[in-house]
């Protein structure tokens, strides 16, 4: 497969600095080499950049870095649309605000192909706040509301040309949802599988029906992987840790099933904050997870010494 690595050193949406170092950490951890060793043709496109054209404000005084996130969204939407024409883009974050751009860009690509876009959201959070409902003001909490076309983002954000149908979204690993988000998500049609659902059913039983739906619809699948999907004991390098997340094997099983499906068209790796890591262990784990998605088998695991 042709793969493009695209860095998005965005940290304006998160409460703590450090995500801007995420793309560099993933490169140093050997992402390109791992994918090349699996037979893929990998091109590193470097990092994209975005600069706000003018300051912006919102009636919700809590909102932070609005102009910066709007500029990143426009740049990443264009990049995702363009670079997905002939390869699978893997976006190296950067905080989760980047998915406002990557997913909307992939939705545009899918619409031009006459195919629906599906999104697998692997995260501790639903990120379904709007500019009006966010109380923290951290805009890494709004991308899903934005790319599904929820009201209140205009004229502050770029117009979404092809909103994602909420019924085409599956969220797995959820365990921290604000009251306003909980109510909005419940009305949206998004399938939300929290950690209790994983405990009771197993992660494969939750993912398999979703992949069958994507295949039956002839859809493109975008996967957005947030480090806080993982339990903090497994992946500590994130500013929004929530105890009780996915285990090492659960995360790998998801990626292995995604590879077996052959459906994944694009991938986000987000919220890696190397400043909070332990000897690079989270960055190396993300590389291993990406390798599982791209074809590495269980018995091919490298031995690690930390």
C-alpha atoms as a PDB file:
ATOM      1  CA  UNK A   1       0.000   0.000   0.000  1.00  0.00           C
ATOM      2  CA  UNK A   2       1.090   3.579  -0.608  1.00  0.00           C
ATOM      3  CA  UNK A   3       1.199   5.445   2.711  1.00  0.00           C
ATOM      4  CA  UNK A   4       1.795   9.115   3.425  1.00  0.00           C
ATOM      5  CA  UNK A   5       2.898  10.306   6.854  1.00  0.00           C
ATOM      6  CA  UNK A   6       1.685  13.830   7.568  1.00  0.00           C
ATOM      7  CA  UNK A   7       2.720  15.634  10.719  1.00  0.00           C
ATOM      8  CA  UNK A   8       0.323  18.041  12.403  1.00  0.00           C
ATOM      9  CA  UNK A   9       2.189  19.623  15.333  1.00  0.00           C
ATOM     10  CA  UNK A  10      -0.972  21.164  16.730  1.00  0.00           C
ATOM     11  CA  UNK A  11      -1.231  21.844  20.451  1.00  0.00           C
ATOM     12  CA  UNK A  12      -3.580  24.837  20.555  1.00  0.00           C
ATOM     13  CA  UNK A  13      -6.589  22.651  21.347  1.00  0.00           C
ATOM     14  CA  UNK A  14      -5.167  20.971  24.449  1.00  0.00           C
ATOM     15  CA  UNK A  15      -4.760  22.310  27.987  1.00  0.00           C
ATOM     16  CA  UNK A  16      -1.074  21.386  28.279  1.00  0.00           C
ATOM     17  CA  UNK A  17       1.816  22.073  25.929  1.00  0.00           C
ATOM     18  CA  UNK A  18       3.765  19.210  24.417  1.00  0.00           C
ATOM     19  CA  UNK A  19       1.620  17.662  21.662  1.00  0.00           C
ATOM     20  CA  UNK A  20       3.551  19.665  19.087  1.00  0.00           C
ATOM     21  CA  UNK A  21       6.412  17.221  19.692  1.00  0.00           C
ATOM     22  CA  UNK A  22       4.198  14.228  18.870  1.00  0.00           C
ATOM     23  CA  UNK A  23       5.024  13.935  15.151  1.00  0.00           C
ATOM     24  CA  UNK A  24       8.761  14.046  15.838  1.00  0.00           C
ATOM     25  CA  UNK A  25       8.441  11.399  18.561  1.00  0.00           C
ATOM     26  CA  UNK A  26       6.568   9.030  16.243  1.00  0.00           C
ATOM     27  CA  UNK A  27       9.212   9.475  13.571  1.00  0.00           C
ATOM     28  CA  UNK A  28      12.030   8.874  16.063  1.00  0.00           C
ATOM     29  CA  UNK A  29      10.208   5.784  17.346  1.00  0.00           C
ATOM     30  CA  UNK A  30      10.507   4.336  13.833  1.00  0.00           C
ATOM     31  CA  UNK A  31       7.045   4.573  12.295  1.00  0.00           C
ATOM     32  CA  UNK A  32       8.255   4.829   8.703  1.00  0.00           C
ATOM     33  CA  UNK A  33      10.703   1.939   9.104  1.00  0.00           C
ATOM     34  CA  UNK A  34       8.053  -0.261  10.745  1.00  0.00           C
ATOM     35  CA  UNK A  35       5.616   0.256   7.884  1.00  0.00           C
ATOM     36  CA  UNK A  36       8.301  -0.134   5.223  1.00  0.00           C
ATOM     37  CA  UNK A  37       9.349  -3.450   6.778  1.00  0.00           C
ATOM     38  CA  UNK A  38       5.780  -4.660   6.205  1.00  0.00           C
ATOM     39  CA  UNK A  39       6.137  -4.004   2.478  1.00  0.00           C
ATOM     40  CA  UNK A  40       4.356  -0.658   2.264  1.00  0.00           C
ATOM     41  CA  UNK A  41       5.639   2.250   0.210  1.00  0.00           C
ATOM     42  CA  UNK A  42       5.994   5.096   2.701  1.00  0.00           C
ATOM     43  CA  UNK A  43       6.492   8.781   1.933  1.00  0.00           C
ATOM     44  CA  UNK A  44       6.940  11.239   4.779  1.00  0.00           C
ATOM     45  CA  UNK A  45       5.360  14.503   3.668  1.00  0.00           C
ATOM     46  CA  UNK A  46       6.758  16.408   6.638  1.00  0.00           C
ATOM     47  CA  UNK A  47       4.717  18.677   8.866  1.00  0.00           C
ATOM     48  CA  UNK A  48       1.906  20.954   7.785  1.00  0.00           C
ATOM     49  CA  UNK A  49       1.546  24.392   9.352  1.00  0.00           C
ATOM     50  CA  UNK A  50      -1.290  26.816   9.754  1.00  0.00           C
ATOM     51  CA  UNK A  51      -1.388  30.469  10.705  1.00  0.00           C
ATOM     52  CA  UNK A  52      -4.587  32.321  11.639  1.00  0.00           C
ATOM     53  CA  UNK A  53      -5.370  35.210   9.336  1.00  0.00           C
ATOM     54  CA  UNK A  54      -6.818  37.341  12.133  1.00  0.00           C
ATOM     55  CA  UNK A  55      -7.778  37.073  15.806  1.00  0.00           C
ATOM     56  CA  UNK A  56     -11.212  35.646  16.545  1.00  0.00           C
ATOM     57  CA  UNK A  57     -13.495  35.759  19.562  1.00  0.00           C
ATOM     58  CA  UNK A  58     -16.680  33.951  20.574  1.00  0.00           C
ATOM     59  CA  UNK A  59     -19.533  34.850  22.942  1.00  0.00           C
ATOM     60  CA  UNK A  60     -18.431  31.892  25.072  1.00  0.00           C
ATOM     61  CA  UNK A  61     -15.504  33.516  26.858  1.00  0.00           C
ATOM     62  CA  UNK A  62     -14.058  30.115  27.786  1.00  0.00           C
ATOM     63  CA  UNK A  63     -13.168  29.293  24.162  1.00  0.00           C
ATOM     64  CA  UNK A  64      -9.406  29.317  23.656  1.00  0.00           C
ATOM     65  CA  UNK A  65      -7.307  29.706  20.490  1.00  0.00           C
ATOM     66  CA  UNK A  66     -10.319  29.892  18.186  1.00  0.00           C
ATOM     67  CA  UNK A  67      -8.506  31.491  15.261  1.00  0.00           C
ATOM     68  CA  UNK A  68      -5.652  29.000  15.513  1.00  0.00           C
ATOM     69  CA  UNK A  69      -7.919  25.941  15.532  1.00  0.00           C
ATOM     70  CA  UNK A  70     -10.004  27.306  12.665  1.00  0.00           C
ATOM     71  CA  UNK A  71      -6.858  27.796  10.584  1.00  0.00           C
ATOM     72  CA  UNK A  72      -5.609  24.292  11.400  1.00  0.00           C
ATOM     73  CA  UNK A  73      -8.997  22.840  10.488  1.00  0.00           C
ATOM     74  CA  UNK A  74      -8.978  24.484   7.065  1.00  0.00           C
ATOM     75  CA  UNK A  75      -5.397  23.445   6.332  1.00  0.00           C
ATOM     76  CA  UNK A  76      -5.828  19.835   7.457  1.00  0.00           C
ATOM     77  CA  UNK A  77      -9.144  19.407   5.632  1.00  0.00           C
ATOM     78  CA  UNK A  78      -7.489  20.471   2.389  1.00  0.00           C
ATOM     79  CA  UNK A  79      -4.460  18.276   3.101  1.00  0.00           C
ATOM     80  CA  UNK A  80      -6.552  15.191   3.904  1.00  0.00           C
ATOM     81  CA  UNK A  81      -8.623  15.611   0.763  1.00  0.00           C
ATOM     82  CA  UNK A  82      -5.599  16.147  -1.469  1.00  0.00           C
ATOM     83  CA  UNK A  83      -3.258  13.502  -0.073  1.00  0.00           C
ATOM     84  CA  UNK A  84      -5.920  10.772   0.072  1.00  0.00           C
ATOM     85  CA  UNK A  85      -6.292  10.821  -3.709  1.00  0.00           C
ATOM     86  CA  UNK A  86      -3.556   8.246  -4.256  1.00  0.00           C
ATOM     87  CA  UNK A  87      -2.471   6.920  -0.854  1.00  0.00           C
ATOM     88  CA  UNK A  88      -3.508   6.205   2.717  1.00  0.00           C
ATOM     89  CA  UNK A  89      -2.719   9.258   4.861  1.00  0.00           C
ATOM     90  CA  UNK A  90      -1.604   8.759   8.454  1.00  0.00           C
ATOM     91  CA  UNK A  91      -1.820  11.974  10.442  1.00  0.00           C
ATOM     92  CA  UNK A  92       0.687  12.351  13.251  1.00  0.00           C
ATOM     93  CA  UNK A  93      -0.628  14.559  16.030  1.00  0.00           C
ATOM     94  CA  UNK A  94      -0.874  16.867  17.635  1.00  0.00           C
ATOM     95  CA  UNK A  95      -3.979  17.144  19.795  1.00  0.00           C
ATOM     96  CA  UNK A  96      -7.395  15.803  18.820  1.00  0.00           C
ATOM     97  CA  UNK A  97      -8.579  19.132  17.424  1.00  0.00           C
ATOM     98  CA  UNK A  98      -6.772  18.045  14.255  1.00  0.00           C
ATOM     99  CA  UNK A  99      -9.577  15.552  13.520  1.00  0.00           C
ATOM    100  CA  UNK A 100     -11.957  18.419  12.781  1.00  0.00           C
ATOM    101  CA  UNK A 101      -9.850  18.894   9.662  1.00  0.00           C
ATOM    102  CA  UNK A 102      -8.740  15.377   8.809  1.00  0.00           C
ATOM    103  CA  UNK A 103     -12.205  13.843   9.054  1.00  0.00           C
ATOM    104  CA  UNK A 104     -13.960  16.644   7.176  1.00  0.00           C
ATOM    105  CA  UNK A 105     -11.338  16.362   4.440  1.00  0.00           C
ATOM    106  CA  UNK A 106     -11.800  12.604   4.209  1.00  0.00           C
ATOM    107  CA  UNK A 107     -15.578  13.084   4.135  1.00  0.00           C
ATOM    108  CA  UNK A 108     -15.150  15.332   1.123  1.00  0.00           C
ATOM    109  CA  UNK A 109     -13.019  12.661  -0.571  1.00  0.00           C
ATOM    110  CA  UNK A 110     -15.622   9.972   0.183  1.00  0.00           C
ATOM    111  CA  UNK A 111     -18.460  12.141  -1.133  1.00  0.00           C
ATOM    112  CA  UNK A 112     -16.612  12.697  -4.406  1.00  0.00           C
ATOM    113  CA  UNK A 113     -16.206   8.928  -4.732  1.00  0.00           C
ATOM    114  CA  UNK A 114     -19.910   8.435  -4.049  1.00  0.00           C
ATOM    115  CA  UNK A 115     -19.165   6.449  -0.893  1.00  0.00           C
ATOM    116  CA  UNK A 116     -20.156   7.090   2.734  1.00  0.00           C
ATOM    117  CA  UNK A 117     -17.474   7.881   5.301  1.00  0.00           C
ATOM    118  CA  UNK A 118     -17.479   5.906   8.540  1.00  0.00           C
ATOM    119  CA  UNK A 119     -15.447   6.923  11.597  1.00  0.00           C
ATOM    120  CA  UNK A 120     -14.083   4.690  14.347  1.00  0.00           C
ATOM    121  CA  UNK A 121     -13.402   6.948  17.339  1.00  0.00           C
ATOM    122  CA  UNK A 122     -11.036   5.298  19.844  1.00  0.00           C
ATOM    123  CA  UNK A 123     -11.000   7.672  22.780  1.00  0.00           C
ATOM    124  CA  UNK A 124     -11.842   8.171  26.445  1.00  0.00           C
ATOM    125  CA  UNK A 125     -13.968  11.174  25.420  1.00  0.00           C
ATOM    126  CA  UNK A 126     -16.753  11.764  22.923  1.00  0.00           C
ATOM    127  CA  UNK A 127     -15.406  15.207  21.876  1.00  0.00           C
ATOM    128  CA  UNK A 128     -18.957  16.268  21.069  1.00  0.00           C
ATOM    129  CA  UNK A 129     -18.946  19.730  22.608  1.00  0.00           C
ATOM    130  CA  UNK A 130     -19.808  22.759  20.496  1.00  0.00           C
ATOM    131  CA  UNK A 131     -18.301  26.215  20.811  1.00  0.00           C
ATOM    132  CA  UNK A 132     -21.312  27.118  22.918  1.00  0.00           C
ATOM    133  CA  UNK A 133     -21.320  24.157  25.311  1.00  0.00           C
ATOM    134  CA  UNK A 134     -17.621  23.785  26.091  1.00  0.00           C
ATOM    135  CA  UNK A 135     -16.807  24.916  29.609  1.00  0.00           C
ATOM    136  CA  UNK A 136     -13.071  24.220  29.476  1.00  0.00           C
ATOM    137  CA  UNK A 137     -12.660  26.083  26.186  1.00  0.00           C
ATOM    138  CA  UNK A 138     -10.195  23.437  24.984  1.00  0.00           C
ATOM    139  CA  UNK A 139     -11.139  22.840  21.373  1.00  0.00           C
ATOM    140  CA  UNK A 140      -9.790  19.301  21.188  1.00  0.00           C
ATOM    141  CA  UNK A 141     -13.214  18.568  22.680  1.00  0.00           C
ATOM    142  CA  UNK A 142     -15.256  19.718  19.648  1.00  0.00           C
ATOM    143  CA  UNK A 143     -14.168  17.865  16.482  1.00  0.00           C
ATOM    144  CA  UNK A 144     -16.960  15.265  16.334  1.00  0.00           C
ATOM    145  CA  UNK A 145     -19.660  17.902  16.765  1.00  0.00           C
ATOM    146  CA  UNK A 146     -17.984  19.931  14.019  1.00  0.00           C
ATOM    147  CA  UNK A 147     -17.556  17.262  11.354  1.00  0.00           C
ATOM    148  CA  UNK A 148     -21.084  15.924  11.908  1.00  0.00           C
ATOM    149  CA  UNK A 149     -22.464  19.379  11.103  1.00  0.00           C
ATOM    150  CA  UNK A 150     -23.803  20.364  14.527  1.00  0.00           C
ATOM    151  CA  UNK A 151     -24.923  24.017  14.744  1.00  0.00           C
ATOM    152  CA  UNK A 152     -22.891  26.861  16.191  1.00  0.00           C
ATOM    153  CA  UNK A 153     -19.579  26.559  14.344  1.00  0.00           C
ATOM    154  CA  UNK A 154     -20.350  29.176  11.714  1.00  0.00           C
ATOM    155  CA  UNK A 155     -18.888  31.634  10.910  1.00  0.00           C
ATOM    156  CA  UNK A 156     -15.962  30.713  13.137  1.00  0.00           C
ATOM    157  CA  UNK A 157     -14.915  27.443  11.431  1.00  0.00           C
ATOM    158  CA  UNK A 158     -14.757  26.499   7.743  1.00  0.00           C
ATOM    159  CA  UNK A 159     -18.002  25.168   6.303  1.00  0.00           C
ATOM    160  CA  UNK A 160     -18.188  21.359   6.294  1.00  0.00           C
ATOM    161  CA  UNK A 161     -18.889  20.383   2.689  1.00  0.00           C
ATOM    162  CA  UNK A 162     -19.881  16.788   3.478  1.00  0.00           C
ATOM    163  CA  UNK A 163     -20.976  16.290   7.098  1.00  0.00           C
ATOM    164  CA  UNK A 164     -20.482  12.792   8.477  1.00  0.00           C
ATOM    165  CA  UNK A 165     -23.717  10.983   9.316  1.00  0.00           C
ATOM    166  CA  UNK A 166     -23.590  10.428  13.110  1.00  0.00           C
ATOM    167  CA  UNK A 167     -25.033   6.950  12.550  1.00  0.00           C
ATOM    168  CA  UNK A 168     -21.779   6.131  10.721  1.00  0.00           C
ATOM    169  CA  UNK A 169     -19.680   6.721  13.837  1.00  0.00           C
ATOM    170  CA  UNK A 170     -18.697   4.132  16.408  1.00  0.00           C
ATOM    171  CA  UNK A 171     -16.999   5.269  19.603  1.00  0.00           C
ATOM    172  CA  UNK A 172     -15.134   2.688  21.677  1.00  0.00           C
ATOM    173  CA  UNK A 173     -13.407   3.167  25.022  1.00  0.00           C
ATOM    174  CA  UNK A 174     -15.512   6.089  26.238  1.00  0.00           C
ATOM    175  CA  UNK A 175     -15.358   6.773  29.983  1.00  0.00           C
ATOM    176  CA  UNK A 176     -15.372  10.554  30.559  1.00  0.00           C
ATOM    177  CA  UNK A 177     -18.340  12.523  29.201  1.00  0.00           C
ATOM    178  CA  UNK A 178     -19.637  15.911  30.332  1.00  0.00           C
ATOM    179  CA  UNK A 179     -23.409  16.228  30.986  1.00  0.00           C
ATOM    180  CA  UNK A 180     -24.008  18.476  27.961  1.00  0.00           C
ATOM    181  CA  UNK A 181     -22.147  16.040  25.728  1.00  0.00           C
ATOM    182  CA  UNK A 182     -23.975  13.029  27.141  1.00  0.00           C
ATOM    183  CA  UNK A 183     -27.339  14.516  26.267  1.00  0.00           C
ATOM    184  CA  UNK A 184     -26.248  15.613  22.789  1.00  0.00           C
ATOM    185  CA  UNK A 185     -24.612  12.298  21.942  1.00  0.00           C
ATOM    186  CA  UNK A 186     -27.681  10.370  23.097  1.00  0.00           C
ATOM    187  CA  UNK A 187     -29.789  12.299  20.579  1.00  0.00           C
ATOM    188  CA  UNK A 188     -27.254  12.094  17.753  1.00  0.00           C
ATOM    189  CA  UNK A 189     -27.412   8.449  16.710  1.00  0.00           C
ATOM    190  CA  UNK A 190     -23.712   7.835  17.383  1.00  0.00           C
ATOM    191  CA  UNK A 191     -22.968   4.340  18.696  1.00  0.00           C
ATOM    192  CA  UNK A 192     -21.122   4.778  21.997  1.00  0.00           C
ATOM    193  CA  UNK A 193     -19.431   1.798  23.636  1.00  0.00           C
ATOM    194  CA  UNK A 194     -18.010   2.678  27.030  1.00  0.00           C
ATOM    195  CA  UNK A 195     -15.523   0.625  29.016  1.00  0.00           C
ATOM    196  CA  UNK A 196     -18.305  -1.265  30.772  1.00  0.00           C
ATOM    197  CA  UNK A 197     -19.522  -2.482  27.390  1.00  0.00           C
ATOM    198  CA  UNK A 198     -15.998  -3.694  26.657  1.00  0.00           C
ATOM    199  CA  UNK A 199     -15.822  -5.403  30.058  1.00  0.00           C
ATOM    200  CA  UNK A 200     -19.162  -7.153  29.541  1.00  0.00           C
ATOM    201  CA  UNK A 201     -18.933  -8.090  25.866  1.00  0.00           C
ATOM    202  CA  UNK A 202     -15.295  -7.984  24.833  1.00  0.00           C
ATOM    203  CA  UNK A 203     -13.938  -5.452  22.378  1.00  0.00           C
ATOM    204  CA  UNK A 204     -14.150  -7.733  19.325  1.00  0.00           C
ATOM    205  CA  UNK A 205     -17.903  -8.182  19.745  1.00  0.00           C
ATOM    206  CA  UNK A 206     -18.367  -4.395  19.682  1.00  0.00           C
ATOM    207  CA  UNK A 207     -16.110  -3.731  16.704  1.00  0.00           C
ATOM    208  CA  UNK A 208     -17.111  -6.596  14.401  1.00  0.00           C
ATOM    209  CA  UNK A 209     -20.708  -5.466  13.651  1.00  0.00           C
ATOM    210  CA  UNK A 210     -19.483  -1.966  12.866  1.00  0.00           C
ATOM    211  CA  UNK A 211     -16.933  -3.256  10.373  1.00  0.00           C
ATOM    212  CA  UNK A 212     -19.619  -5.391   8.775  1.00  0.00           C
ATOM    213  CA  UNK A 213     -21.778  -2.276   8.347  1.00  0.00           C
ATOM    214  CA  UNK A 214     -18.916  -0.385   6.710  1.00  0.00           C
ATOM    215  CA  UNK A 215     -18.264  -3.245   4.304  1.00  0.00           C
ATOM    216  CA  UNK A 216     -21.947  -3.670   3.440  1.00  0.00           C
ATOM    217  CA  UNK A 217     -22.274   0.040   2.651  1.00  0.00           C
ATOM    218  CA  UNK A 218     -19.112   0.154   0.525  1.00  0.00           C
ATOM    219  CA  UNK A 219     -17.817   2.844   2.863  1.00  0.00           C
ATOM    220  CA  UNK A 220     -14.453   4.419   3.510  1.00  0.00           C
ATOM    221  CA  UNK A 221     -13.270   4.083   7.117  1.00  0.00           C
ATOM    222  CA  UNK A 222     -11.331   6.717   9.012  1.00  0.00           C
ATOM    223  CA  UNK A 223      -9.793   5.652  12.330  1.00  0.00           C
ATOM    224  CA  UNK A 224      -9.030   8.280  14.954  1.00  0.00           C
ATOM    225  CA  UNK A 225      -6.843   6.917  17.755  1.00  0.00           C
ATOM    226  CA  UNK A 226      -6.368   9.022  20.884  1.00  0.00           C
ATOM    227  CA  UNK A 227      -3.657   7.977  23.335  1.00  0.00           C
ATOM    228  CA  UNK A 228      -6.167   8.278  26.180  1.00  0.00           C
ATOM    229  CA  UNK A 229      -8.099   5.352  24.678  1.00  0.00           C
ATOM    230  CA  UNK A 230      -5.401   3.346  26.419  1.00  0.00           C
ATOM    231  CA  UNK A 231      -5.174   2.827  30.137  1.00  0.00           C
ATOM    232  CA  UNK A 232      -2.637   5.330  31.544  1.00  0.00           C
ATOM    233  CA  UNK A 233      -0.536   2.436  32.829  1.00  0.00           C
ATOM    234  CA  UNK A 234      -0.074   1.358  29.199  1.00  0.00           C
ATOM    235  CA  UNK A 235       0.161   4.768  27.510  1.00  0.00           C
ATOM    236  CA  UNK A 236       1.082   7.509  30.004  1.00  0.00           C
ATOM    237  CA  UNK A 237       2.069  10.216  27.508  1.00  0.00           C
ATOM    238  CA  UNK A 238      -1.205  12.152  27.365  1.00  0.00           C
ATOM    239  CA  UNK A 239      -2.471  15.236  29.175  1.00  0.00           C
ATOM    240  CA  UNK A 240      -6.021  13.888  29.623  1.00  0.00           C
ATOM    241  CA  UNK A 241      -5.496  10.591  31.438  1.00  0.00           C
ATOM    242  CA  UNK A 242      -8.602   8.697  32.535  1.00  0.00           C
ATOM    243  CA  UNK A 243      -8.101   5.461  34.518  1.00  0.00           C
ATOM    244  CA  UNK A 244      -9.606   2.216  33.297  1.00  0.00           C
ATOM    245  CA  UNK A 245      -8.807   2.377  29.597  1.00  0.00           C
ATOM    246  CA  UNK A 246      -8.028  -0.257  26.993  1.00  0.00           C
ATOM    247  CA  UNK A 247      -5.301  -2.774  27.666  1.00  0.00           C
ATOM    248  CA  UNK A 248      -2.278  -3.459  25.484  1.00  0.00           C
ATOM    249  CA  UNK A 249      -3.910  -6.535  23.956  1.00  0.00           C
ATOM    250  CA  UNK A 250      -7.333  -4.918  23.488  1.00  0.00           C
ATOM    251  CA  UNK A 251      -5.723  -2.080  21.541  1.00  0.00           C
ATOM    252  CA  UNK A 252      -3.726  -4.482  19.380  1.00  0.00           C
ATOM    253  CA  UNK A 253      -6.790  -6.639  18.759  1.00  0.00           C
ATOM    254  CA  UNK A 254      -8.674  -3.604  17.441  1.00  0.00           C
ATOM    255  CA  UNK A 255      -5.836  -2.809  15.077  1.00  0.00           C
ATOM    256  CA  UNK A 256      -5.481  -6.415  13.935  1.00  0.00           C
ATOM    257  CA  UNK A 257      -9.207  -6.617  13.194  1.00  0.00           C
ATOM    258  CA  UNK A 258      -9.014  -3.358  11.267  1.00  0.00           C
ATOM    259  CA  UNK A 259      -6.226  -4.775   9.143  1.00  0.00           C
ATOM    260  CA  UNK A 260      -8.163  -7.971   8.494  1.00  0.00           C
ATOM    261  CA  UNK A 261     -11.153  -5.900   7.350  1.00  0.00           C
ATOM    262  CA  UNK A 262      -9.180  -4.120   4.623  1.00  0.00           C
ATOM    263  CA  UNK A 263     -11.447  -1.084   5.087  1.00  0.00           C
ATOM    264  CA  UNK A 264      -9.218   1.595   6.620  1.00  0.00           C
ATOM    265  CA  UNK A 265      -8.582   4.559   4.328  1.00  0.00           C
ATOM    266  CA  UNK A 266      -6.957   6.972   6.786  1.00  0.00           C
ATOM    267  CA  UNK A 267      -5.672   7.165  10.358  1.00  0.00           C
ATOM    268  CA  UNK A 268      -5.138   9.766  13.076  1.00  0.00           C
ATOM    269  CA  UNK A 269      -2.624   9.183  15.882  1.00  0.00           C
ATOM    270  CA  UNK A 270      -3.333  11.978  18.348  1.00  0.00           C
ATOM    271  CA  UNK A 271      -2.675  13.444  21.794  1.00  0.00           C
ATOM    272  CA  UNK A 272       0.823  11.982  22.149  1.00  0.00           C
ATOM    273  CA  UNK A 273       2.686  14.312  24.511  1.00  0.00           C
ATOM    274  CA  UNK A 274       6.324  13.157  24.623  1.00  0.00           C
ATOM    275  CA  UNK A 275       6.990  15.551  27.517  1.00  0.00           C
ATOM    276  CA  UNK A 276       4.860  13.217  29.661  1.00  0.00           C
ATOM    277  CA  UNK A 277       6.268   9.937  28.315  1.00  0.00           C
ATOM    278  CA  UNK A 278       8.526   7.386  30.008  1.00  0.00           C
ATOM    279  CA  UNK A 279      11.605   6.697  27.870  1.00  0.00           C
ATOM    280  CA  UNK A 280       9.508   6.887  24.719  1.00  0.00           C
ATOM    281  CA  UNK A 281       7.301   3.911  25.629  1.00  0.00           C
ATOM    282  CA  UNK A 282       4.020   5.487  24.455  1.00  0.00           C
ATOM    283  CA  UNK A 283       5.490   6.611  21.150  1.00  0.00           C
ATOM    284  CA  UNK A 284       6.893   3.127  20.552  1.00  0.00           C
ATOM    285  CA  UNK A 285       3.528   1.584  21.467  1.00  0.00           C
ATOM    286  CA  UNK A 286       1.733   3.799  18.925  1.00  0.00           C
ATOM    287  CA  UNK A 287       4.217   2.669  16.273  1.00  0.00           C
ATOM    288  CA  UNK A 288       3.509  -0.956  17.186  1.00  0.00           C
ATOM    289  CA  UNK A 289      -0.249  -0.358  17.046  1.00  0.00           C
ATOM    290  CA  UNK A 290       0.044   1.303  13.643  1.00  0.00           C
ATOM    291  CA  UNK A 291       2.101  -1.683  12.493  1.00  0.00           C
ATOM    292  CA  UNK A 292      -0.661  -4.028  13.675  1.00  0.00           C
ATOM    293  CA  UNK A 293      -3.185  -2.048  11.656  1.00  0.00           C
ATOM    294  CA  UNK A 294      -0.911  -2.306   8.636  1.00  0.00           C
ATOM    295  CA  UNK A 295      -0.322  -6.055   8.847  1.00  0.00           C
ATOM    296  CA  UNK A 296       2.093  -7.050  11.604  1.00  0.00           C
ATOM    297  CA  UNK A 297       1.051 -10.382  13.116  1.00  0.00           C
ATOM    298  CA  UNK A 298       0.916 -11.405  16.774  1.00  0.00           C
ATOM    299  CA  UNK A 299       3.993 -13.621  16.599  1.00  0.00           C
ATOM    300  CA  UNK A 300       6.032 -10.868  14.947  1.00  0.00           C
ATOM    301  CA  UNK A 301       6.114  -8.649  18.062  1.00  0.00           C
ATOM    302  CA  UNK A 302       9.526  -7.125  18.756  1.00  0.00           C
ATOM    303  CA  UNK A 303      11.109  -7.718  22.155  1.00  0.00           C
ATOM    304  CA  UNK A 304      11.325  -4.470  24.112  1.00  0.00           C
ATOM    305  CA  UNK A 305      13.742  -3.433  26.831  1.00  0.00           C
ATOM    306  CA  UNK A 306      12.862  -0.156  28.520  1.00  0.00           C
END
